[in-house]
Amino acid sequence: MFSDKGLINTFRWIAIAEAASFVLLLIAMIFKYGFDQEIGVQILGPIHGMLFLAYVALAFLVWPKVKWSFGQLVIALLLSVVPLGTLYVERKMIPSDAELLV
């Protein structure tokens, strides 16, 4: 279905999209509770939820491919509940393309 590199690249893009959706959802929550405008949360909530679930599922799939320890997997999962935490995972915990070729 996916090559290892393709799976890892998909995980990278989902991590970036999840971080962006998290920030947008936080902004939408300010509008919901500060200005009584719920539409942003109604739209972004399900989008963020789907991206979050995809991130968690893909984290389990890429875990053996990137040779994370169990502790590193736990860190990657915990960072998914921190705003922009998945960007740290994408930048610092995933090997670069050059490292994937080895």
PDB file of N, CA and C in Angstrom:
ATOM      1  N   MET A   1       0.828  -1.178   0.000  1.00  0.00           N
ATOM      2  CA  MET A   1       0.000   0.000   0.000  1.00  0.00           C
ATOM      3  C   MET A   1       0.879   1.251   0.000  1.00  0.00           C
ATOM      4  N   PHE A   2       1.574   1.524   1.092  1.00  0.00           N
ATOM      5  CA  PHE A   2       2.517   2.641   1.182  1.00  0.00           C
ATOM      6  C   PHE A   2       3.909   2.079   1.354  1.00  0.00           C
ATOM      7  N   SER A   3       4.878   2.696   0.717  1.00  0.00           N
ATOM      8  CA  SER A   3       6.264   2.355   1.025  1.00  0.00           C
ATOM      9  C   SER A   3       6.575   2.964   2.388  1.00  0.00           C
ATOM     10  N   ASP A   4       7.674   2.518   2.984  1.00  0.00           N
ATOM     11  CA  ASP A   4       8.063   3.078   4.279  1.00  0.00           C
ATOM     12  C   ASP A   4       8.247   4.586   4.179  1.00  0.00           C
ATOM     13  N   LYS A   5       8.926   5.025   3.136  1.00  0.00           N
ATOM     14  CA  LYS A   5       9.165   6.458   2.951  1.00  0.00           C
ATOM     15  C   LYS A   5       7.844   7.202   2.744  1.00  0.00           C
ATOM     16  N   GLY A   6       6.940   6.616   1.972  1.00  0.00           N
ATOM     17  CA  GLY A   6       5.636   7.238   1.744  1.00  0.00           C
ATOM     18  C   GLY A   6       4.825   7.348   3.022  1.00  0.00           C
ATOM     19  N   LEU A   7       4.878   6.310   3.846  1.00  0.00           N
ATOM     20  CA  LEU A   7       4.172   6.321   5.122  1.00  0.00           C
ATOM     21  C   LEU A   7       4.736   7.402   6.040  1.00  0.00           C
ATOM     22  N   ILE A   8       6.052   7.500   6.084  1.00  0.00           N
ATOM     23  CA  ILE A   8       6.699   8.504   6.935  1.00  0.00           C
ATOM     24  C   ILE A   8       6.388   9.909   6.432  1.00  0.00           C
ATOM     25  N   ASN A   9       6.401  10.115   5.123  1.00  0.00           N
ATOM     26  CA  ASN A   9       6.058  11.432   4.573  1.00  0.00           C
ATOM     27  C   ASN A   9       4.600  11.789   4.841  1.00  0.00           C
ATOM     28  N   THR A  10       3.712  10.807   4.772  1.00  0.00           N
ATOM     29  CA  THR A  10       2.310  11.043   5.115  1.00  0.00           C
ATOM     30  C   THR A  10       2.196  11.460   6.575  1.00  0.00           C
ATOM     31  N   PHE A  11       2.938  10.777   7.443  1.00  0.00           N
ATOM     32  CA  PHE A  11       2.942  11.134   8.863  1.00  0.00           C
ATOM     33  C   PHE A  11       3.435  12.566   9.056  1.00  0.00           C
ATOM     34  N   ARG A  12       4.459  12.945   8.312  1.00  0.00           N
ATOM     35  CA  ARG A  12       4.973  14.329   8.399  1.00  0.00           C
ATOM     36  C   ARG A  12       3.873  15.339   8.069  1.00  0.00           C
ATOM     37  N   TRP A  13       3.177  15.117   6.968  1.00  0.00           N
ATOM     38  CA  TRP A  13       2.139  16.053   6.541  1.00  0.00           C
ATOM     39  C   TRP A  13       0.971  16.082   7.515  1.00  0.00           C
ATOM     40  N   ILE A  14       0.605  14.941   8.049  1.00  0.00           N
ATOM     41  CA  ILE A  14      -0.482  14.900   9.032  1.00  0.00           C
ATOM     42  C   ILE A  14      -0.062  15.630  10.303  1.00  0.00           C
ATOM     43  N   ALA A  15       1.201  15.475  10.722  1.00  0.00           N
ATOM     44  CA  ALA A  15       1.697  16.177  11.914  1.00  0.00           C
ATOM     45  C   ALA A  15       1.609  17.689  11.724  1.00  0.00           C
ATOM     46  N   ILE A  16       1.984  18.163  10.548  1.00  0.00           N
ATOM     47  CA  ILE A  16       1.919  19.604  10.260  1.00  0.00           C
ATOM     48  C   ILE A  16       0.462  20.077  10.231  1.00  0.00           C
ATOM     49  N   ALA A  17      -0.385  19.325   9.554  1.00  0.00           N
ATOM     50  CA  ALA A  17      -1.800  19.697   9.454  1.00  0.00           C
ATOM     51  C   ALA A  17      -2.474  19.656  10.822  1.00  0.00           C
ATOM     52  N   GLU A  18      -2.110  18.680  11.650  1.00  0.00           N
ATOM     53  CA  GLU A  18      -2.687  18.574  12.994  1.00  0.00           C
ATOM     54  C   GLU A  18      -2.300  19.780  13.831  1.00  0.00           C
ATOM     55  N   ALA A  19      -1.051  20.202  13.756  1.00  0.00           N
ATOM     56  CA  ALA A  19      -0.592  21.379  14.506  1.00  0.00           C
ATOM     57  C   ALA A  19      -1.349  22.629  14.056  1.00  0.00           C
ATOM     58  N   ALA A  20      -1.488  22.796  12.750  1.00  0.00           N
ATOM     59  CA  ALA A  20      -2.205  23.967  12.227  1.00  0.00           C
ATOM     60  C   ALA A  20      -3.669  23.946  12.652  1.00  0.00           C
ATOM     61  N   SER A  21      -4.301  22.782  12.575  1.00  0.00           N
ATOM     62  CA  SER A  21      -5.712  22.695  12.950  1.00  0.00           C
ATOM     63  C   SER A  21      -5.898  22.944  14.442  1.00  0.00           C
ATOM     64  N   PHE A  22      -4.927  22.535  15.258  1.00  0.00           N
ATOM     65  CA  PHE A  22      -4.988  22.769  16.701  1.00  0.00           C
ATOM     66  C   PHE A  22      -4.975  24.274  16.982  1.00  0.00           C
ATOM     67  N   VAL A  23      -4.057  24.991  16.355  1.00  0.00           N
ATOM     68  CA  VAL A  23      -3.965  26.442  16.557  1.00  0.00           C
ATOM     69  C   VAL A  23      -5.236  27.135  16.061  1.00  0.00           C
ATOM     70  N   LEU A  24      -5.713  26.735  14.896  1.00  0.00           N
ATOM     71  CA  LEU A  24      -6.941  27.336  14.367  1.00  0.00           C
ATOM     72  C   LEU A  24      -8.134  27.044  15.270  1.00  0.00           C
ATOM     73  N   LEU A  25      -8.185  25.842  15.836  1.00  0.00           N
ATOM     74  CA  LEU A  25      -9.270  25.501  16.752  1.00  0.00           C
ATOM     75  C   LEU A  25      -9.191  26.342  18.023  1.00  0.00           C
ATOM     76  N   LEU A  26      -7.990  26.575  18.534  1.00  0.00           N
ATOM     77  CA  LEU A  26      -7.845  27.434  19.716  1.00  0.00           C
ATOM     78  C   LEU A  26      -8.331  28.855  19.419  1.00  0.00           C
ATOM     79  N   ILE A  27      -8.000  29.363  18.243  1.00  0.00           N
ATOM     80  CA  ILE A  27      -8.480  30.693  17.843  1.00  0.00           C
ATOM     81  C   ILE A  27     -10.005  30.688  17.725  1.00  0.00           C
ATOM     82  N   ALA A  28     -10.553  29.628  17.138  1.00  0.00           N
ATOM     83  CA  ALA A  28     -12.006  29.517  17.005  1.00  0.00           C
ATOM     84  C   ALA A  28     -12.679  29.470  18.372  1.00  0.00           C
ATOM     85  N   MET A  29     -12.025  28.851  19.350  1.00  0.00           N
ATOM     86  CA  MET A  29     -12.593  28.791  20.703  1.00  0.00           C
ATOM     87  C   MET A  29     -12.624  30.178  21.345  1.00  0.00           C
ATOM     88  N   ILE A  30     -11.638  31.009  21.050  1.00  0.00           N
ATOM     89  CA  ILE A  30     -11.658  32.389  21.545  1.00  0.00           C
ATOM     90  C   ILE A  30     -12.882  33.111  20.987  1.00  0.00           C
ATOM     91  N   PHE A  31     -13.159  32.914  19.703  1.00  0.00           N
ATOM     92  CA  PHE A  31     -14.331  33.536  19.094  1.00  0.00           C
ATOM     93  C   PHE A  31     -15.623  32.961  19.668  1.00  0.00           C
ATOM     94  N   LYS A  32     -15.627  31.665  19.950  1.00  0.00           N
ATOM     95  CA  LYS A  32     -16.835  31.043  20.496  1.00  0.00           C
ATOM     96  C   LYS A  32     -17.160  31.597  21.877  1.00  0.00           C
ATOM     97  N   TYR A  33     -16.175  31.604  22.756  1.00  0.00           N
ATOM     98  CA  TYR A  33     -16.447  32.006  24.133  1.00  0.00           C
ATOM     99  C   TYR A  33     -16.325  33.508  24.356  1.00  0.00           C
ATOM    100  N   GLY A  34     -15.578  34.203  23.514  1.00  0.00           N
ATOM    101  CA  GLY A  34     -15.428  35.640  23.682  1.00  0.00           C
ATOM    102  C   GLY A  34     -16.450  36.459  22.920  1.00  0.00           C
ATOM    103  N   PHE A  35     -16.870  35.942  21.767  1.00  0.00           N
ATOM    104  CA  PHE A  35     -17.748  36.725  20.894  1.00  0.00           C
ATOM    105  C   PHE A  35     -19.012  35.969  20.487  1.00  0.00           C
ATOM    106  N   ASP A  36     -19.248  34.825  21.120  1.00  0.00           N
ATOM    107  CA  ASP A  36     -20.445  34.017  20.866  1.00  0.00           C
ATOM    108  C   ASP A  36     -20.587  33.635  19.389  1.00  0.00           C
ATOM    109  N   GLN A  37     -19.460  33.314  18.751  1.00  0.00           N
ATOM    110  CA  GLN A  37     -19.439  32.871  17.355  1.00  0.00           C
ATOM    111  C   GLN A  37     -18.978  31.411  17.312  1.00  0.00           C
ATOM    112  N   GLU A  38     -19.908  30.492  17.160  1.00  0.00           N
ATOM    113  CA  GLU A  38     -19.597  29.064  17.253  1.00  0.00           C
ATOM    114  C   GLU A  38     -19.190  28.416  15.939  1.00  0.00           C
ATOM    115  N   ILE A  39     -19.363  29.067  14.835  1.00  0.00           N
ATOM    116  CA  ILE A  39     -19.184  28.422  13.530  1.00  0.00           C
ATOM    117  C   ILE A  39     -17.774  27.860  13.344  1.00  0.00           C
ATOM    118  N   GLY A  40     -16.764  28.574  13.820  1.00  0.00           N
ATOM    119  CA  GLY A  40     -15.389  28.096  13.667  1.00  0.00           C
ATOM    120  C   GLY A  40     -15.158  26.776  14.371  1.00  0.00           C
ATOM    121  N   VAL A  41     -15.686  26.656  15.586  1.00  0.00           N
ATOM    122  CA  VAL A  41     -15.524  25.411  16.342  1.00  0.00           C
ATOM    123  C   VAL A  41     -16.317  24.291  15.681  1.00  0.00           C
ATOM    124  N   GLN A  42     -17.499  24.617  15.178  1.00  0.00           N
ATOM    125  CA  GLN A  42     -18.318  23.600  14.513  1.00  0.00           C
ATOM    126  C   GLN A  42     -17.632  23.045  13.270  1.00  0.00           C
ATOM    127  N   ILE A  43     -16.884  23.878  12.585  1.00  0.00           N
ATOM    128  CA  ILE A  43     -16.182  23.432  11.376  1.00  0.00           C
ATOM    129  C   ILE A  43     -14.840  22.801  11.720  1.00  0.00           C
ATOM    130  N   LEU A  44     -14.051  23.501  12.536  1.00  0.00           N
ATOM    131  CA  LEU A  44     -12.683  23.048  12.809  1.00  0.00           C
ATOM    132  C   LEU A  44     -12.605  21.894  13.805  1.00  0.00           C
ATOM    133  N   GLY A  45     -13.588  21.776  14.682  1.00  0.00           N
ATOM    134  CA  GLY A  45     -13.567  20.693  15.668  1.00  0.00           C
ATOM    135  C   GLY A  45     -13.479  19.310  15.031  1.00  0.00           C
ATOM    136  N   PRO A  46     -14.395  18.976  14.125  1.00  0.00           N
ATOM    137  CA  PRO A  46     -14.318  17.663  13.477  1.00  0.00           C
ATOM    138  C   PRO A  46     -13.069  17.480  12.610  1.00  0.00           C
ATOM    139  N   ILE A  47     -12.632  18.551  11.953  1.00  0.00           N
ATOM    140  CA  ILE A  47     -11.422  18.455  11.130  1.00  0.00           C
ATOM    141  C   ILE A  47     -10.225  18.139  12.012  1.00  0.00           C
ATOM    142  N   HIS A  48     -10.095  18.882  13.107  1.00  0.00           N
ATOM    143  CA  HIS A  48      -8.983  18.634  14.024  1.00  0.00           C
ATOM    144  C   HIS A  48      -9.082  17.221  14.616  1.00  0.00           C
ATOM    145  N   GLY A  49     -10.286  16.797  14.955  1.00  0.00           N
ATOM    146  CA  GLY A  49     -10.472  15.457  15.513  1.00  0.00           C
ATOM    147  C   GLY A  49     -10.014  14.365  14.558  1.00  0.00           C
ATOM    148  N   MET A  50     -10.347  14.510  13.293  1.00  0.00           N
ATOM    149  CA  MET A  50      -9.928  13.514  12.302  1.00  0.00           C
ATOM    150  C   MET A  50      -8.414  13.528  12.117  1.00  0.00           C
ATOM    151  N   LEU A  51      -7.824  14.720  12.077  1.00  0.00           N
ATOM    152  CA  LEU A  51      -6.366  14.811  11.933  1.00  0.00           C
ATOM    153  C   LEU A  51      -5.659  14.246  13.163  1.00  0.00           C
ATOM    154  N   PHE A  52      -6.215  14.491  14.346  1.00  0.00           N
ATOM    155  CA  PHE A  52      -5.639  13.949  15.573  1.00  0.00           C
ATOM    156  C   PHE A  52      -5.654  12.423  15.545  1.00  0.00           C
ATOM    157  N   LEU A  53      -6.790  11.848  15.183  1.00  0.00           N
ATOM    158  CA  LEU A  53      -6.891  10.385  15.118  1.00  0.00           C
ATOM    159  C   LEU A  53      -5.945   9.811  14.067  1.00  0.00           C
ATOM    160  N   ALA A  54      -5.826  10.490  12.927  1.00  0.00           N
ATOM    161  CA  ALA A  54      -4.894  10.041  11.886  1.00  0.00           C
ATOM    162  C   ALA A  54      -3.461  10.106  12.396  1.00  0.00           C
ATOM    163  N   TYR A  55      -3.117  11.167  13.124  1.00  0.00           N
ATOM    164  CA  TYR A  55      -1.766  11.315  13.683  1.00  0.00           C
ATOM    165  C   TYR A  55      -1.459  10.158  14.637  1.00  0.00           C
ATOM    166  N   VAL A  56      -2.382   9.858  15.534  1.00  0.00           N
ATOM    167  CA  VAL A  56      -2.158   8.781  16.507  1.00  0.00           C
ATOM    168  C   VAL A  56      -2.002   7.441  15.790  1.00  0.00           C
ATOM    169  N   ALA A  57      -2.887   7.152  14.844  1.00  0.00           N
ATOM    170  CA  ALA A  57      -2.801   5.884  14.110  1.00  0.00           C
ATOM    171  C   ALA A  57      -1.488   5.784  13.340  1.00  0.00           C
ATOM    172  N   LEU A  58      -1.113   6.863  12.668  1.00  0.00           N
ATOM    173  CA  LEU A  58       0.134   6.848  11.899  1.00  0.00           C
ATOM    174  C   LEU A  58       1.357   6.771  12.802  1.00  0.00           C
ATOM    175  N   ALA A  59       1.278   7.346  13.991  1.00  0.00           N
ATOM    176  CA  ALA A  59       2.406   7.250  14.929  1.00  0.00           C
ATOM    177  C   ALA A  59       2.693   5.784  15.246  1.00  0.00           C
ATOM    178  N   PHE A  60       1.638   5.004  15.447  1.00  0.00           N
ATOM    179  CA  PHE A  60       1.836   3.574  15.712  1.00  0.00           C
ATOM    180  C   PHE A  60       2.399   2.851  14.485  1.00  0.00           C
ATOM    181  N   LEU A  61       1.996   3.277  13.299  1.00  0.00           N
ATOM    182  CA  LEU A  61       2.488   2.632  12.081  1.00  0.00           C
ATOM    183  C   LEU A  61       3.941   2.987  11.772  1.00  0.00           C
ATOM    184  N   VAL A  62       4.345   4.232  12.039  1.00  0.00           N
ATOM    185  CA  VAL A  62       5.724   4.625  11.725  1.00  0.00           C
ATOM    186  C   VAL A  62       6.697   4.281  12.844  1.00  0.00           C
ATOM    187  N   TRP A  63       6.197   3.980  14.019  1.00  0.00           N
ATOM    188  CA  TRP A  63       7.037   3.656  15.178  1.00  0.00           C
ATOM    189  C   TRP A  63       8.153   2.679  14.830  1.00  0.00           C
ATOM    190  N   PRO A  64       7.865   1.506  14.262  1.00  0.00           N
ATOM    191  CA  PRO A  64       8.973   0.594  13.934  1.00  0.00           C
ATOM    192  C   PRO A  64       9.806   1.063  12.732  1.00  0.00           C
ATOM    193  N   LYS A  65       9.195   1.829  11.841  1.00  0.00           N
ATOM    194  CA  LYS A  65       9.906   2.266  10.633  1.00  0.00           C
ATOM    195  C   LYS A  65      11.012   3.270  10.944  1.00  0.00           C
ATOM    196  N   VAL A  66      10.771   4.130  11.935  1.00  0.00           N
ATOM    197  CA  VAL A  66      11.764   5.151  12.294  1.00  0.00           C
ATOM    198  C   VAL A  66      12.602   4.715  13.495  1.00  0.00           C
ATOM    199  N   LYS A  67      12.363   3.476  13.933  1.00  0.00           N
ATOM    200  CA  LYS A  67      13.147   2.860  15.012  1.00  0.00           C
ATOM    201  C   LYS A  67      13.083   3.651  16.319  1.00  0.00           C
ATOM    202  N   TRP A  68      11.861   4.113  16.661  1.00  0.00           N
ATOM    203  CA  TRP A  68      11.665   4.754  17.951  1.00  0.00           C
ATOM    204  C   TRP A  68      11.646   3.697  19.038  1.00  0.00           C
ATOM    205  N   SER A  69      12.091   4.074  20.226  1.00  0.00           N
ATOM    206  CA  SER A  69      11.879   3.234  21.401  1.00  0.00           C
ATOM    207  C   SER A  69      10.415   3.426  21.827  1.00  0.00           C
ATOM    208  N   PHE A  70       9.962   2.597  22.760  1.00  0.00           N
ATOM    209  CA  PHE A  70       8.599   2.761  23.265  1.00  0.00           C
ATOM    210  C   PHE A  70       8.442   4.132  23.921  1.00  0.00           C
ATOM    211  N   GLY A  71       9.474   4.568  24.624  1.00  0.00           N
ATOM    212  CA  GLY A  71       9.442   5.880  25.267  1.00  0.00           C
ATOM    213  C   GLY A  71       9.297   7.014  24.263  1.00  0.00           C
ATOM    214  N   GLN A  72       9.968   6.898  23.130  1.00  0.00           N
ATOM    215  CA  GLN A  72       9.850   7.925  22.089  1.00  0.00           C
ATOM    216  C   GLN A  72       8.444   7.947  21.497  1.00  0.00           C
ATOM    217  N   LEU A  73       7.835   6.768  21.361  1.00  0.00           N
ATOM    218  CA  LEU A  73       6.451   6.712  20.890  1.00  0.00           C
ATOM    219  C   LEU A  73       5.540   7.430  21.878  1.00  0.00           C
ATOM    220  N   VAL A  74       5.737   7.167  23.162  1.00  0.00           N
ATOM    221  CA  VAL A  74       4.916   7.816  24.191  1.00  0.00           C
ATOM    222  C   VAL A  74       5.090   9.334  24.119  1.00  0.00           C
ATOM    223  N   ILE A  75       6.321   9.793  23.951  1.00  0.00           N
ATOM    224  CA  ILE A  75       6.574  11.236  23.830  1.00  0.00           C
ATOM    225  C   ILE A  75       5.851  11.801  22.605  1.00  0.00           C
ATOM    226  N   ALA A  76       5.941  11.106  21.475  1.00  0.00           N
ATOM    227  CA  ALA A  76       5.265  11.569  20.256  1.00  0.00           C
ATOM    228  C   ALA A  76       3.755  11.652  20.472  1.00  0.00           C
ATOM    229  N   LEU A  77       3.203  10.699  21.213  1.00  0.00           N
ATOM    230  CA  LEU A  77       1.764  10.716  21.484  1.00  0.00           C
ATOM    231  C   LEU A  77       1.401  11.818  22.473  1.00  0.00           C
ATOM    232  N   LEU A  78       2.209  12.001  23.511  1.00  0.00           N
ATOM    233  CA  LEU A  78       1.938  13.064  24.482  1.00  0.00           C
ATOM    234  C   LEU A  78       2.037  14.448  23.848  1.00  0.00           C
ATOM    235  N   LEU A  79       2.980  14.614  22.938  1.00  0.00           N
ATOM    236  CA  LEU A  79       3.126  15.911  22.275  1.00  0.00           C
ATOM    237  C   LEU A  79       1.937  16.242  21.376  1.00  0.00           C
ATOM    238  N   SER A  80       1.117  15.247  21.064  1.00  0.00           N
ATOM    239  CA  SER A  80      -0.045  15.511  20.217  1.00  0.00           C
ATOM    240  C   SER A  80      -1.123  16.307  20.950  1.00  0.00           C
ATOM    241  N   VAL A  81      -1.052  16.388  22.275  1.00  0.00           N
ATOM    242  CA  VAL A  81      -2.042  17.165  23.029  1.00  0.00           C
ATOM    243  C   VAL A  81      -1.492  18.526  23.442  1.00  0.00           C
ATOM    244  N   VAL A  82      -0.284  18.850  22.998  1.00  0.00           N
ATOM    245  CA  VAL A  82       0.340  20.152  23.249  1.00  0.00           C
ATOM    246  C   VAL A  82       0.242  20.957  21.952  1.00  0.00           C
ATOM    247  N   PRO A  83      -0.259  22.200  22.031  1.00  0.00           N
ATOM    248  CA  PRO A  83      -0.302  22.995  20.798  1.00  0.00           C
ATOM    249  C   PRO A  83       1.078  23.072  20.143  1.00  0.00           C
ATOM    250  N   LEU A  84       1.130  22.759  18.886  1.00  0.00           N
ATOM    251  CA  LEU A  84       2.346  22.732  18.058  1.00  0.00           C
ATOM    252  C   LEU A  84       3.319  21.622  18.451  1.00  0.00           C
ATOM    253  N   GLY A  85       2.920  20.733  19.335  1.00  0.00           N
ATOM    254  CA  GLY A  85       3.793  19.628  19.741  1.00  0.00           C
ATOM    255  C   GLY A  85       4.111  18.678  18.608  1.00  0.00           C
ATOM    256  N   THR A  86       3.171  18.499  17.706  1.00  0.00           N
ATOM    257  CA  THR A  86       3.426  17.583  16.593  1.00  0.00           C
ATOM    258  C   THR A  86       4.466  18.148  15.630  1.00  0.00           C
ATOM    259  N   LEU A  87       4.643  19.474  15.636  1.00  0.00           N
ATOM    260  CA  LEU A  87       5.712  20.056  14.816  1.00  0.00           C
ATOM    261  C   LEU A  87       7.077  19.654  15.355  1.00  0.00           C
ATOM    262  N   TYR A  88       7.199  19.566  16.677  1.00  0.00           N
ATOM    263  CA  TYR A  88       8.457  19.104  17.269  1.00  0.00           C
ATOM    264  C   TYR A  88       8.735  17.674  16.809  1.00  0.00           C
ATOM    265  N   VAL A  89       7.708  16.835  16.849  1.00  0.00           N
ATOM    266  CA  VAL A  89       7.874  15.446  16.415  1.00  0.00           C
ATOM    267  C   VAL A  89       8.306  15.415  14.954  1.00  0.00           C
ATOM    268  N   GLU A  90       7.637  16.189  14.122  1.00  0.00           N
ATOM    269  CA  GLU A  90       7.939  16.198  12.686  1.00  0.00           C
ATOM    270  C   GLU A  90       9.356  16.694  12.415  1.00  0.00           C
ATOM    271  N   ARG A  91       9.805  17.695  13.145  1.00  0.00           N
ATOM    272  CA  ARG A  91      11.121  18.296  12.892  1.00  0.00           C
ATOM    273  C   ARG A  91      12.269  17.547  13.553  1.00  0.00           C
ATOM    274  N   LYS A  92      12.057  17.055  14.770  1.00  0.00           N
ATOM    275  CA  LYS A  92      13.172  16.534  15.565  1.00  0.00           C
ATOM    276  C   LYS A  92      13.191  15.014  15.725  1.00  0.00           C
ATOM    277  N   MET A  93      12.041  14.363  15.600  1.00  0.00           N
ATOM    278  CA  MET A  93      11.990  12.930  15.893  1.00  0.00           C
ATOM    279  C   MET A  93      11.899  12.049  14.652  1.00  0.00           C
ATOM    280  N   ILE A  94      11.594  12.642  13.509  1.00  0.00           N
ATOM    281  CA  ILE A  94      11.498  11.878  12.264  1.00  0.00           C
ATOM    282  C   ILE A  94      12.808  12.045  11.507  1.00  0.00           C
ATOM    283  N   PRO A  95      13.411  10.959  11.050  1.00  0.00           N
ATOM    284  CA  PRO A  95      14.665  11.080  10.289  1.00  0.00           C
ATOM    285  C   PRO A  95      14.459  11.874   8.997  1.00  0.00           C
ATOM    286  N   SER A  96      15.511  12.546   8.562  1.00  0.00           N
ATOM    287  CA  SER A  96      15.442  13.284   7.297  1.00  0.00           C
ATOM    288  C   SER A  96      15.376  12.292   6.139  1.00  0.00           C
ATOM    289  N   ASP A  97      15.053  12.803   4.963  1.00  0.00           N
ATOM    290  CA  ASP A  97      14.995  11.943   3.772  1.00  0.00           C
ATOM    291  C   ASP A  97      16.329  11.251   3.525  1.00  0.00           C
ATOM    292  N   ALA A  98      17.429  11.945   3.741  1.00  0.00           N
ATOM    293  CA  ALA A  98      18.754  11.348   3.528  1.00  0.00           C
ATOM    294  C   ALA A  98      18.985  10.187   4.488  1.00  0.00           C
ATOM    295  N   GLU A  99      18.529  10.340   5.726  1.00  0.00           N
ATOM    296  CA  GLU A  99      18.697   9.262   6.705  1.00  0.00           C
ATOM    297  C   GLU A  99      17.802   8.073   6.387  1.00  0.00           C
ATOM    298  N   LEU A 100      16.671   8.319   5.738  1.00  0.00           N
ATOM    299  CA  LEU A 100      15.767   7.230   5.380  1.00  0.00           C
ATOM    300  C   LEU A 100      16.340   6.353   4.275  1.00  0.00           C
ATOM    301  N   LEU A 101      17.236   6.901   3.470  1.00  0.00           N
ATOM    302  CA  LEU A 101      17.811   6.138   2.361  1.00  0.00           C
ATOM    303  C   LEU A 101      18.843   5.125   2.831  1.00  0.00           C
ATOM    304  N   VAL A 102      19.343   5.278   4.043  1.00  0.00           N
ATOM    305  CA  VAL A 102      20.394   4.387   4.558  1.00  0.00           C
ATOM    306  C   VAL A 102      19.781   3.102   5.050  1.00  0.00           C
TER     307      VAL A 102
END
